[in-house]
PDB file of N, CA and C in Angstrom:
ATOM      1  N   MET A   1      25.214  12.771  15.763  1.00  0.00           N
ATOM      2  CA  MET A   1      25.020  13.626  14.153  1.00  0.00           C
ATOM      3  C   MET A   1      27.152  13.117  13.565  1.00  0.00           C
ATOM      4  N   ALA A   2      26.366  12.960  12.290  1.00  0.00           N
ATOM      5  CA  ALA A   2      27.189  13.290  11.752  1.00  0.00           C
ATOM      6  C   ALA A   2      28.241  14.739  10.494  1.00  0.00           C
ATOM      7  N   ASN A   3      29.562  14.389  10.169  1.00  0.00           N
ATOM      8  CA  ASN A   3      30.441  15.401  10.079  1.00  0.00           C
ATOM      9  C   ASN A   3      30.453  15.467   8.799  1.00  0.00           C
ATOM     10  N   ILE A   4      30.769  14.125   8.169  1.00  0.00           N
ATOM     11  CA  ILE A   4      31.137  14.901   6.634  1.00  0.00           C
ATOM     12  C   ILE A   4      30.080  14.791   6.591  1.00  0.00           C
ATOM     13  N   ARG A   5      30.544  15.959   4.984  1.00  0.00           N
ATOM     14  CA  ARG A   5      28.855  16.223   4.810  1.00  0.00           C
ATOM     15  C   ARG A   5      28.286  15.727   4.646  1.00  0.00           C
ATOM     16  N   SER A   6      29.777  14.839   3.529  1.00  0.00           N
ATOM     17  CA  SER A   6      27.962  13.916   2.452  1.00  0.00           C
ATOM     18  C   SER A   6      27.533  13.566   3.496  1.00  0.00           C
ATOM     19  N   GLN A   7      27.919  13.014   4.699  1.00  0.00           N
ATOM     20  CA  GLN A   7      26.598  12.251   5.187  1.00  0.00           C
ATOM     21  C   GLN A   7      25.627  12.690   5.325  1.00  0.00           C
ATOM     22  N   ILE A   8      26.416  14.448   6.071  1.00  0.00           N
ATOM     23  CA  ILE A   8      24.775  14.466   7.110  1.00  0.00           C
ATOM     24  C   ILE A   8      23.415  14.773   4.983  1.00  0.00           C
ATOM     25  N   LYS A   9      24.097  15.105   4.082  1.00  0.00           N
ATOM     26  CA  LYS A   9      23.588  14.831   2.880  1.00  0.00           C
ATOM     27  C   LYS A   9      22.351  13.586   2.885  1.00  0.00           C
ATOM     28  N   ARG A  10      23.175  12.356   2.517  1.00  0.00           N
ATOM     29  CA  ARG A  10      23.474  11.427   2.676  1.00  0.00           C
ATOM     30  C   ARG A  10      21.194  11.439   4.219  1.00  0.00           C
ATOM     31  N   ASN A  11      22.060  11.737   5.576  1.00  0.00           N
ATOM     32  CA  ASN A  11      20.550  11.734   6.126  1.00  0.00           C
ATOM     33  C   ASN A  11      19.044  12.539   5.706  1.00  0.00           C
ATOM     34  N   ARG A  12      19.745  13.471   5.420  1.00  0.00           N
ATOM     35  CA  ARG A  12      19.108  14.143   4.695  1.00  0.00           C
ATOM     36  C   ARG A  12      17.738  13.531   3.738  1.00  0.00           C
ATOM     37  N   GLN A  13      18.387  12.982   3.112  1.00  0.00           N
ATOM     38  CA  GLN A  13      18.294  12.231   2.367  1.00  0.00           C
ATOM     39  C   GLN A  13      16.814  11.130   2.987  1.00  0.00           C
ATOM     40  N   ASN A  14      17.907  10.068   3.148  1.00  0.00           N
ATOM     41  CA  ASN A  14      17.400   8.989   3.951  1.00  0.00           C
ATOM     42  C   ASN A  14      15.047  10.107   4.543  1.00  0.00           C
ATOM     43  N   GLU A  15      15.969  10.659   5.128  1.00  0.00           N
ATOM     44  CA  GLU A  15      15.036  10.976   6.414  1.00  0.00           C
ATOM     45  C   GLU A  15      14.136  11.218   5.513  1.00  0.00           C
ATOM     46  N   ALA A  16      14.244  12.265   3.806  1.00  0.00           N
ATOM     47  CA  ALA A  16      12.422  12.115   3.499  1.00  0.00           C
ATOM     48  C   ALA A  16      11.779  11.172   2.270  1.00  0.00           C
ATOM     49  N   ARG A  17      12.781  10.691   1.749  1.00  0.00           N
ATOM     50  CA  ARG A  17      12.635   8.863   1.301  1.00  0.00           C
ATOM     51  C   ARG A  17      11.211   8.195   2.485  1.00  0.00           C
ATOM     52  N   GLN A  18      12.020   8.349   3.775  1.00  0.00           N
ATOM     53  CA  GLN A  18      11.030   7.684   4.993  1.00  0.00           C
ATOM     54  C   GLN A  18       9.960   7.852   5.240  1.00  0.00           C
ATOM     55  N   ALA A  19       9.894   9.327   5.292  1.00  0.00           N
ATOM     56  CA  ALA A  19       8.787  10.440   5.108  1.00  0.00           C
ATOM     57  C   ALA A  19       7.669   9.596   3.764  1.00  0.00           C
ATOM     58  N   ARG A  20       8.670   9.723   2.315  1.00  0.00           N
ATOM     59  CA  ARG A  20       7.903   9.374   0.909  1.00  0.00           C
ATOM     60  C   ARG A  20       7.161   7.895   1.957  1.00  0.00           C
ATOM     61  N   ASN A  21       7.710   7.198   2.124  1.00  0.00           N
ATOM     62  CA  ASN A  21       7.383   5.183   1.861  1.00  0.00           C
ATOM     63  C   ASN A  21       6.668   5.855   2.487  1.00  0.00           C
ATOM     64  N   LYS A  22       6.770   6.751   4.071  1.00  0.00           N
ATOM     65  CA  LYS A  22       5.666   5.859   4.856  1.00  0.00           C
ATOM     66  C   LYS A  22       3.790   6.541   4.722  1.00  0.00           C
ATOM     67  N   ALA A  23       3.807   7.952   3.913  1.00  0.00           N
ATOM     68  CA  ALA A  23       3.081   8.046   2.792  1.00  0.00           C
ATOM     69  C   ALA A  23       2.624   7.064   2.693  1.00  0.00           C
ATOM     70  N   SER A  24       3.065   5.791   2.010  1.00  0.00           N
ATOM     71  CA  SER A  24       2.226   5.503   0.809  1.00  0.00           C
ATOM     72  C   SER A  24       1.848   3.701   1.197  1.00  0.00           C
ATOM     73  N   ARG A  25       2.433   3.891   2.130  1.00  0.00           N
ATOM     74  CA  ARG A  25       2.472   2.359   3.235  1.00  0.00           C
ATOM     75  C   ARG A  25       0.462   2.613   4.056  1.00  0.00           C
ATOM     76  N   SER A  26       0.747   4.490   3.970  1.00  0.00           N
ATOM     77  CA  SER A  26      -0.364   4.183   4.943  1.00  0.00           C
ATOM     78  C   SER A  26      -1.673   4.490   4.152  1.00  0.00           C
ATOM     79  N   GLU A  27      -1.424   4.953   2.522  1.00  0.00           N
ATOM     80  CA  GLU A  27      -1.784   4.943   1.544  1.00  0.00           C
ATOM     81  C   GLU A  27      -2.947   3.397   1.262  1.00  0.00           C
ATOM     82  N   LEU A  28      -1.803   2.366   1.772  1.00  0.00           N
ATOM     83  CA  LEU A  28      -2.105   1.650   1.004  1.00  0.00           C
ATOM     84  C   LEU A  28      -3.092   0.683   2.179  1.00  0.00           C
ATOM     85  N   LYS A  29      -2.968   1.109   3.441  1.00  0.00           N
ATOM     86  CA  LYS A  29      -3.703   0.458   4.170  1.00  0.00           C
ATOM     87  C   LYS A  29      -5.260   1.102   4.124  1.00  0.00           C
ATOM     88  N   THR A  30      -5.179   2.417   3.742  1.00  0.00           N
ATOM     89  CA  THR A  30      -6.920   2.849   3.394  1.00  0.00           C
ATOM     90  C   THR A  30      -6.604   3.152   2.320  1.00  0.00           C
ATOM     91  N   LEU A  31      -6.206   2.264   1.284  1.00  0.00           N
ATOM     92  CA  LEU A  31      -6.780   2.337  -0.098  1.00  0.00           C
ATOM     93  C   LEU A  31      -7.696   0.338   0.069  1.00  0.00           C
ATOM     94  N   ALA A  32      -7.244  -0.060   1.025  1.00  0.00           N
ATOM     95  CA  ALA A  32      -7.562  -1.825   1.257  1.00  0.00           C
ATOM     96  C   ALA A  32      -8.234  -1.297   2.299  1.00  0.00           C
ATOM     97  N   ARG A  33      -8.387  -0.559   3.288  1.00  0.00           N
ATOM     98  CA  ARG A  33      -9.731   0.012   4.090  1.00  0.00           C
ATOM     99  C   ARG A  33     -10.846  -0.396   3.287  1.00  0.00           C
ATOM    100  N   ARG A  34     -10.370   0.590   2.395  1.00  0.00           N
ATOM    101  CA  ARG A  34     -12.228   1.014   1.474  1.00  0.00           C
ATOM    102  C   ARG A  34     -12.742  -0.296   0.677  1.00  0.00           C
ATOM    103  N   ALA A  35     -11.386  -1.195  -0.078  1.00  0.00           N
ATOM    104  CA  ALA A  35     -12.985  -2.249  -0.565  1.00  0.00           C
ATOM    105  C   ALA A  35     -13.117  -2.988   0.594  1.00  0.00           C
ATOM    106  N   VAL A  36     -12.101  -3.355   2.065  1.00  0.00           N
ATOM    107  CA  VAL A  36     -13.491  -3.826   2.916  1.00  0.00           C
ATOM    108  C   VAL A  36     -14.376  -3.319   3.423  1.00  0.00           C
ATOM    109  N   GLU A  37     -14.900  -1.931   3.628  1.00  0.00           N
ATOM    110  CA  GLU A  37     -15.677  -1.465   4.194  1.00  0.00           C
ATOM    111  C   GLU A  37     -16.901  -1.241   2.227  1.00  0.00           C
ATOM    112  N   ALA A  38     -16.453  -1.307   1.620  1.00  0.00           N
ATOM    113  CA  ALA A  38     -16.941  -1.346   0.568  1.00  0.00           C
ATOM    114  C   ALA A  38     -17.699  -2.827   0.786  1.00  0.00           C
ATOM    115  N   ALA A  39     -17.132  -3.470   0.589  1.00  0.00           N
ATOM    116  CA  ALA A  39     -17.489  -4.997   0.489  1.00  0.00           C
ATOM    117  C   ALA A  39     -19.144  -5.198   1.777  1.00  0.00           C
ATOM    118  N   GLN A  40     -17.892  -4.783   3.190  1.00  0.00           N
ATOM    119  CA  GLN A  40     -19.612  -4.574   4.129  1.00  0.00           C
ATOM    120  C   GLN A  40     -20.946  -4.283   4.217  1.00  0.00           C
ATOM    121  N   SER A  41     -20.441  -2.748   3.930  1.00  0.00           N
ATOM    122  CA  SER A  41     -21.951  -2.893   2.930  1.00  0.00           C
ATOM    123  C   SER A  41     -22.629  -3.070   2.084  1.00  0.00           C
ATOM    124  N   GLY A  42     -22.519  -3.692   0.702  1.00  0.00           N
ATOM    125  CA  GLY A  42     -22.620  -4.888   0.368  1.00  0.00           C
ATOM    126  C   GLY A  42     -23.352  -4.344  -0.775  1.00  0.00           C
ATOM    127  N   ASP A  43     -22.006  -3.467  -1.273  1.00  0.00           N
ATOM    128  CA  ASP A  43     -22.082  -2.403  -2.920  1.00  0.00           C
ATOM    129  C   ASP A  43     -20.715  -2.932  -3.163  1.00  0.00           C
ATOM    130  N   GLY A  44     -20.545  -4.397  -5.041  1.00  0.00           N
ATOM    131  CA  GLY A  44     -20.152  -4.802  -4.985  1.00  0.00           C
ATOM    132  C   GLY A  44     -19.805  -4.206  -6.234  1.00  0.00           C
ATOM    133  N   ALA A  45     -20.328  -3.113  -7.064  1.00  0.00           N
ATOM    134  CA  ALA A  45     -19.138  -2.643  -7.942  1.00  0.00           C
ATOM    135  C   ALA A  45     -18.672  -1.533  -6.656  1.00  0.00           C
ATOM    136  N   THR A  46     -18.550  -0.791  -6.566  1.00  0.00           N
ATOM    137  CA  THR A  46     -17.599  -0.490  -5.677  1.00  0.00           C
ATOM    138  C   THR A  46     -16.955  -1.217  -5.148  1.00  0.00           C
ATOM    139  N   ALA A  47     -16.948  -2.206  -5.081  1.00  0.00           N
ATOM    140  CA  ALA A  47     -15.969  -2.926  -4.208  1.00  0.00           C
ATOM    141  C   ALA A  47     -14.786  -3.815  -4.812  1.00  0.00           C
ATOM    142  N   GLU A  48     -15.091  -4.313  -6.156  1.00  0.00           N
ATOM    143  CA  GLU A  48     -14.510  -3.973  -7.034  1.00  0.00           C
ATOM    144  C   GLU A  48     -13.806  -3.346  -8.120  1.00  0.00           C
ATOM    145  N   SER A  49     -14.331  -2.107  -7.507  1.00  0.00           N
ATOM    146  CA  SER A  49     -13.554  -1.136  -7.887  1.00  0.00           C
ATOM    147  C   SER A  49     -11.968  -0.910  -7.401  1.00  0.00           C
ATOM    148  N   ALA A  50     -12.865  -0.587  -5.475  1.00  0.00           N
ATOM    149  CA  ALA A  50     -12.267  -0.206  -5.262  1.00  0.00           C
ATOM    150  C   ALA A  50     -10.771  -1.120  -5.247  1.00  0.00           C
ATOM    151  N   LEU A  51     -11.179  -2.342  -4.997  1.00  0.00           N
ATOM    152  CA  LEU A  51     -10.333  -3.741  -5.366  1.00  0.00           C
ATOM    153  C   LEU A  51      -9.131  -3.630  -6.144  1.00  0.00           C
ATOM    154  N   ARG A  52      -9.640  -2.981  -7.329  1.00  0.00           N
ATOM    155  CA  ARG A  52      -8.816  -3.694  -7.964  1.00  0.00           C
ATOM    156  C   ARG A  52      -7.826  -2.104  -8.175  1.00  0.00           C
ATOM    157  N   ILE A  53      -8.034  -1.501  -7.395  1.00  0.00           N
ATOM    158  CA  ILE A  53      -7.686  -0.165  -7.264  1.00  0.00           C
ATOM    159  C   ILE A  53      -6.281  -0.101  -6.724  1.00  0.00           C
ATOM    160  N   ALA A  54      -6.546   0.187  -4.978  1.00  0.00           N
ATOM    161  CA  ALA A  54      -6.109  -1.190  -4.585  1.00  0.00           C
ATOM    162  C   ALA A  54      -4.784  -2.278  -4.853  1.00  0.00           C
ATOM    163  N   GLN A  55      -4.976  -3.379  -5.612  1.00  0.00           N
ATOM    164  CA  GLN A  55      -4.782  -3.932  -6.342  1.00  0.00           C
ATOM    165  C   GLN A  55      -3.301  -3.546  -7.708  1.00  0.00           C
ATOM    166  N   GLN A  56      -3.975  -2.145  -7.888  1.00  0.00           N
ATOM    167  CA  GLN A  56      -2.522  -1.607  -8.792  1.00  0.00           C
ATOM    168  C   GLN A  56      -1.666  -0.311  -7.663  1.00  0.00           C
ATOM    169  N   HIS A  57      -2.289  -0.624  -6.818  1.00  0.00           N
ATOM    170  CA  HIS A  57      -1.024   0.656  -5.710  1.00  0.00           C
ATOM    171  C   HIS A  57      -0.125  -0.869  -5.025  1.00  0.00           C
ATOM    172  N   TYR A  58      -0.740  -1.616  -4.605  1.00  0.00           N
ATOM    173  CA  TYR A  58       0.610  -2.415  -4.435  1.00  0.00           C
ATOM    174  C   TYR A  58       0.807  -2.930  -5.396  1.00  0.00           C
ATOM    175  N   ASP A  59       0.867  -3.357  -6.469  1.00  0.00           N
ATOM    176  CA  ASP A  59       2.069  -3.072  -7.753  1.00  0.00           C
ATOM    177  C   ASP A  59       2.753  -2.444  -7.830  1.00  0.00           C
ATOM    178  N   LYS A  60       2.748  -1.325  -8.091  1.00  0.00           N
ATOM    179  CA  LYS A  60       3.517  -0.251  -7.797  1.00  0.00           C
ATOM    180  C   LYS A  60       4.142   0.412  -6.697  1.00  0.00           C
ATOM    181  N   ALA A  61       3.232  -0.060  -5.750  1.00  0.00           N
ATOM    182  CA  ALA A  61       4.408  -0.139  -4.304  1.00  0.00           C
ATOM    183  C   ALA A  61       6.110  -1.250  -4.271  1.00  0.00           C
ATOM    184  N   ALA A  62       5.532  -2.139  -4.790  1.00  0.00           N
ATOM    185  CA  ALA A  62       6.714  -3.730  -4.989  1.00  0.00           C
ATOM    186  C   ALA A  62       7.617  -3.124  -6.333  1.00  0.00           C
ATOM    187  N   THR A  63       6.517  -1.758  -7.612  1.00  0.00           N
ATOM    188  CA  THR A  63       7.713  -1.505  -7.823  1.00  0.00           C
ATOM    189  C   THR A  63       9.041  -0.523  -7.393  1.00  0.00           C
ATOM    190  N   GLN A  64       7.977  -0.323  -6.942  1.00  0.00           N
ATOM    191  CA  GLN A  64       9.372   1.897  -6.531  1.00  0.00           C
ATOM    192  C   GLN A  64      10.220   0.470  -5.344  1.00  0.00           C
ATOM    193  N   GLY A  65       9.545   0.037  -4.971  1.00  0.00           N
ATOM    194  CA  GLY A  65      10.275  -0.686  -3.447  1.00  0.00           C
ATOM    195  C   GLY A  65      10.444  -0.245  -2.192  1.00  0.00           C
ATOM    196  N   ILE A  66       8.358   0.359  -2.496  1.00  0.00           N
ATOM    197  CA  ILE A  66       8.053   0.423  -0.783  1.00  0.00           C
ATOM    198  C   ILE A  66       7.897  -0.615   0.123  1.00  0.00           C
ATOM    199  N   ILE A  67       8.010  -1.568  -0.645  1.00  0.00           N
ATOM    200  CA  ILE A  67       7.650  -3.332   0.157  1.00  0.00           C
ATOM    201  C   ILE A  67       7.332  -3.947  -0.870  1.00  0.00           C
ATOM    202  N   HIS A  68       7.638  -5.427  -0.253  1.00  0.00           N
ATOM    203  CA  HIS A  68       9.159  -6.361  -0.727  1.00  0.00           C
ATOM    204  C   HIS A  68       7.716  -6.755  -2.065  1.00  0.00           C
ATOM    205  N   LYS A  69       7.818  -8.113  -3.147  1.00  0.00           N
ATOM    206  CA  LYS A  69       7.529  -7.757  -4.898  1.00  0.00           C
ATOM    207  C   LYS A  69       6.161  -9.212  -3.649  1.00  0.00           C
ATOM    208  N   LYS A  70       6.670  -9.940  -2.354  1.00  0.00           N
ATOM    209  CA  LYS A  70       5.590 -11.280  -2.055  1.00  0.00           C
ATOM    210  C   LYS A  70       5.072  -9.760  -1.349  1.00  0.00           C
ATOM    211  N   THR A  71       5.287  -9.907  -0.713  1.00  0.00           N
ATOM    212  CA  THR A  71       4.199  -8.701   0.355  1.00  0.00           C
ATOM    213  C   THR A  71       3.671  -7.991  -0.265  1.00  0.00           C
ATOM    214  N   ALA A  72       3.433  -7.441  -1.830  1.00  0.00           N
ATOM    215  CA  ALA A  72       2.510  -6.544  -2.378  1.00  0.00           C
ATOM    216  C   ALA A  72       2.085  -8.008  -2.967  1.00  0.00           C
ATOM    217  N   ALA A  73       2.689  -8.947  -3.539  1.00  0.00           N
ATOM    218  CA  ALA A  73       1.089  -9.883  -3.650  1.00  0.00           C
ATOM    219  C   ALA A  73       0.580 -11.200  -2.193  1.00  0.00           C
ATOM    220  N   ARG A  74       1.661 -11.182  -1.842  1.00  0.00           N
ATOM    221  CA  ARG A  74       0.181 -11.971  -0.465  1.00  0.00           C
ATOM    222  C   ARG A  74      -0.755 -10.627  -0.302  1.00  0.00           C
ATOM    223  N   ARG A  75       0.008  -9.671   0.427  1.00  0.00           N
ATOM    224  CA  ARG A  75      -1.680  -8.460   0.671  1.00  0.00           C
ATOM    225  C   ARG A  75      -2.699  -9.126   0.342  1.00  0.00           C
ATOM    226  N   LYS A  76      -2.329  -8.376  -1.626  1.00  0.00           N
ATOM    227  CA  LYS A  76      -2.963  -8.337  -3.080  1.00  0.00           C
ATOM    228  C   LYS A  76      -4.424 -10.084  -3.053  1.00  0.00           C
ATOM    229  N   ALA A  77      -3.531 -10.987  -1.724  1.00  0.00           N
ATOM    230  CA  ALA A  77      -4.433 -12.088  -2.298  1.00  0.00           C
ATOM    231  C   ALA A  77      -5.665 -12.442  -0.581  1.00  0.00           C
ATOM    232  N   ARG A  78      -4.918 -11.871   0.081  1.00  0.00           N
ATOM    233  CA  ARG A  78      -5.785 -12.146   1.640  1.00  0.00           C
ATOM    234  C   ARG A  78      -6.251 -10.646   1.096  1.00  0.00           C
ATOM    235  N   LEU A  79      -5.949  -9.745   0.924  1.00  0.00           N
ATOM    236  CA  LEU A  79      -7.130  -8.539   0.910  1.00  0.00           C
ATOM    237  C   LEU A  79      -8.997  -8.854   0.035  1.00  0.00           C
ATOM    238  N   SER A  80      -8.228 -10.158  -1.406  1.00  0.00           N
ATOM    239  CA  SER A  80      -8.751 -10.537  -2.616  1.00  0.00           C
ATOM    240  C   SER A  80      -9.540 -11.397  -2.207  1.00  0.00           C
ATOM    241  N   GLN A  81      -9.254 -12.264  -0.751  1.00  0.00           N
ATOM    242  CA  GLN A  81     -10.051 -13.722  -0.948  1.00  0.00           C
ATOM    243  C   GLN A  81     -11.327 -12.805   0.564  1.00  0.00           C
ATOM    244  N   GLN A  82     -10.827 -11.993   1.468  1.00  0.00           N
ATOM    245  CA  GLN A  82     -11.848 -11.117   2.296  1.00  0.00           C
ATOM    246  C   GLN A  82     -12.816 -10.501   1.545  1.00  0.00           C
ATOM    247  N   VAL A  83     -12.412 -10.173   0.446  1.00  0.00           N
ATOM    248  CA  VAL A  83     -13.555  -8.885   0.142  1.00  0.00           C
ATOM    249  C   VAL A  83     -14.325  -9.944  -0.203  1.00  0.00           C
ATOM    250  N   ARG A  84     -13.794 -11.045  -1.138  1.00  0.00           N
ATOM    251  CA  ARG A  84     -14.972 -12.504  -2.620  1.00  0.00           C
ATOM    252  C   ARG A  84     -15.678 -13.327  -0.786  1.00  0.00           C
ATOM    253  N   SER A  85     -15.428 -13.012   0.312  1.00  0.00           N
ATOM    254  CA  SER A  85     -16.022 -13.664   1.201  1.00  0.00           C
ATOM    255  C   SER A  85     -17.044 -12.851   1.873  1.00  0.00           C
ATOM    256  N   LEU A  86     -16.485 -11.699   2.420  1.00  0.00           N
ATOM    257  CA  LEU A  86     -18.111 -10.644   2.534  1.00  0.00           C
ATOM    258  C   LEU A  86     -18.756 -10.550   1.870  1.00  0.00           C
ATOM    259  N   LEU A  87     -17.967 -10.448  -0.093  1.00  0.00           N
ATOM    260  CA  LEU A  87     -19.301 -10.435  -1.124  1.00  0.00           C
ATOM    261  C   LEU A  87     -20.709 -11.551  -1.566  1.00  0.00           C
ATOM    262  N   GLY A  88     -19.750 -12.468  -0.575  1.00  0.00           N
ATOM    263  CA  GLY A  88     -20.580 -14.577  -0.703  1.00  0.00           C
ATOM    264  C   GLY A  88     -20.771 -14.841  -1.933  1.00  0.00           C
TER     265      GLY A  88
END
């Protein structure tokens, strides 16, 4: 446990940021799963809109520093490829 007040505050801030980032990363996984599930059900319009929303959230997370820019690009590409292959 830190004794210095500024370090105690820094630890509190880090915990809050960590929780926020974890929630955002979890949301990204949920959005990707929704797009894949919509594609598996054969609903093209829903799958396309879910894919678009997921890609927007990946870009936003990369901009905010939650995930790396290239990680976001890789996940977007893989998700897009998966949805397109499921839709045929």
